[in-house]
Structures are given as C-alpha cells and as structure tokens.
Amino acid sequence: MGSEALLHTKFVGKPFVVKAETHGRIDHLDHVKTLYFREDAITVFDQSTGNALERIAVN
C-alpha cells in the first residue's frame, strides 16, 4: 500500500492541489518547482461539486 502527499501550488494563477504518490517517502518532493503531466494521466476535480472535469482550458 502506497502513501500520498498533497502538493499545494498554483495553476493558471489559482490555488491547485496535486495528490502525488510517495511510495512511503516524501523527501524526493522537497524541492519540486515544476510539475509536468501527460494529459491521459491526470484527472482534475471541481472543488465545489467533486465531479471530474473533462477538459481544462488554459489561457
């Protein structure tokens, strides 16, 4: 069973929380400055409804 860390950041200028696998350790996340995601490997949820969003428009 793995563990998870919550990474608090900003996305398009707004607060954004990323849930990341830690595999039992979190020190490898200490100096994260940039996150990259494959479009097919990320699901974004609406904070107020909890529903998954189909697409994110980045302007």
C-alpha atoms as a PDB file:
ATOM      1  CA  MET A   1       0.000   0.000   0.000  1.00  0.00           C
ATOM      2  CA  GLY A   2       1.439   3.360  -1.015  1.00  0.00           C
ATOM      3  CA  SER A   3       1.067   6.716   0.616  1.00  0.00           C
ATOM      4  CA  GLU A   4       0.236  10.103  -0.840  1.00  0.00           C
ATOM      5  CA  ALA A   5       1.333  13.703  -0.400  1.00  0.00           C
ATOM      6  CA  LEU A   6      -0.651  16.833  -1.190  1.00  0.00           C
ATOM      7  CA  LEU A   7       1.363  19.376  -3.172  1.00  0.00           C
ATOM      8  CA  HIS A   8      -0.112  22.877  -2.908  1.00  0.00           C
ATOM      9  CA  THR A   9       0.660  25.013  -5.934  1.00  0.00           C
ATOM     10  CA  LYS A  10      -0.969  27.394  -8.424  1.00  0.00           C
ATOM     11  CA  PHE A  11      -2.375  26.594 -11.852  1.00  0.00           C
ATOM     12  CA  VAL A  12      -3.199  29.493 -14.162  1.00  0.00           C
ATOM     13  CA  GLY A  13      -2.790  31.765 -11.131  1.00  0.00           C
ATOM     14  CA  LYS A  14      -5.280  29.912  -8.920  1.00  0.00           C
ATOM     15  CA  PRO A  15      -4.674  27.551  -5.973  1.00  0.00           C
ATOM     16  CA  PHE A  16      -4.303  23.949  -7.115  1.00  0.00           C
ATOM     17  CA  VAL A  17      -3.663  20.796  -5.058  1.00  0.00           C
ATOM     18  CA  VAL A  18      -1.917  17.768  -6.553  1.00  0.00           C
ATOM     19  CA  LYS A  19      -2.165  14.359  -4.907  1.00  0.00           C
ATOM     20  CA  ALA A  20       1.135  12.554  -5.569  1.00  0.00           C
ATOM     21  CA  GLU A  21       2.269   9.020  -4.802  1.00  0.00           C
ATOM     22  CA  THR A  22       5.147   8.978  -2.324  1.00  0.00           C
ATOM     23  CA  HIS A  23       5.940   5.255  -2.126  1.00  0.00           C
ATOM     24  CA  GLY A  24       6.475   5.685   1.620  1.00  0.00           C
ATOM     25  CA  ARG A  25       8.924   8.597   1.391  1.00  0.00           C
ATOM     26  CA  ILE A  26       8.341  12.275   0.693  1.00  0.00           C
ATOM     27  CA  ASP A  27      11.844  13.732   0.746  1.00  0.00           C
ATOM     28  CA  HIS A  28      12.073  13.412  -3.053  1.00  0.00           C
ATOM     29  CA  LEU A  29       9.267  16.029  -3.232  1.00  0.00           C
ATOM     30  CA  ASP A  30      11.109  18.634  -1.103  1.00  0.00           C
ATOM     31  CA  HIS A  31      12.449  20.728  -3.957  1.00  0.00           C
ATOM     32  CA  VAL A  32       9.788  20.292  -6.644  1.00  0.00           C
ATOM     33  CA  LYS A  33       9.485  23.513  -8.640  1.00  0.00           C
ATOM     34  CA  THR A  34       7.751  22.363 -11.828  1.00  0.00           C
ATOM     35  CA  LEU A  35       5.144  19.681 -12.453  1.00  0.00           C
ATOM     36  CA  TYR A  36       4.525  18.077 -15.840  1.00  0.00           C
ATOM     37  CA  PHE A  37       1.531  15.885 -16.578  1.00  0.00           C
ATOM     38  CA  ARG A  38       0.579  13.708 -19.503  1.00  0.00           C
ATOM     39  CA  GLU A  39      -2.954  14.642 -20.499  1.00  0.00           C
ATOM     40  CA  ASP A  40      -4.063  10.998 -20.188  1.00  0.00           C
ATOM     41  CA  ALA A  41      -2.508  10.642 -16.729  1.00  0.00           C
ATOM     42  CA  ILE A  42      -4.285  13.405 -14.822  1.00  0.00           C
ATOM     43  CA  THR A  43      -7.815  13.872 -13.576  1.00  0.00           C
ATOM     44  CA  VAL A  44      -8.918  17.271 -12.312  1.00  0.00           C
ATOM     45  CA  PHE A  45     -11.898  17.563  -9.967  1.00  0.00           C
ATOM     46  CA  ASP A  46     -14.170  20.536  -9.403  1.00  0.00           C
ATOM     47  CA  GLN A  47     -13.766  21.655  -5.778  1.00  0.00           C
ATOM     48  CA  SER A  48     -17.414  22.565  -5.245  1.00  0.00           C
ATOM     49  CA  THR A  49     -19.033  19.509  -6.869  1.00  0.00           C
ATOM     50  CA  GLY A  50     -16.334  16.869  -6.621  1.00  0.00           C
ATOM     51  CA  ASN A  51     -17.011  15.937 -10.255  1.00  0.00           C
ATOM     52  CA  ALA A  52     -14.173  15.182 -12.655  1.00  0.00           C
ATOM     53  CA  LEU A  53     -13.665  17.830 -15.335  1.00  0.00           C
ATOM     54  CA  GLU A  54     -13.481  16.654 -18.927  1.00  0.00           C
ATOM     55  CA  ARG A  55     -11.011  19.273 -20.178  1.00  0.00           C
ATOM     56  CA  ILE A  56      -9.130  22.196 -18.695  1.00  0.00           C
ATOM     57  CA  ALA A  57      -8.880  25.358 -20.749  1.00  0.00           C
ATOM     58  CA  VAL A  58      -5.548  27.056 -20.163  1.00  0.00           C
ATOM     59  CA  ASN A  59      -5.481  30.669 -21.278  1.00  0.00           C
END
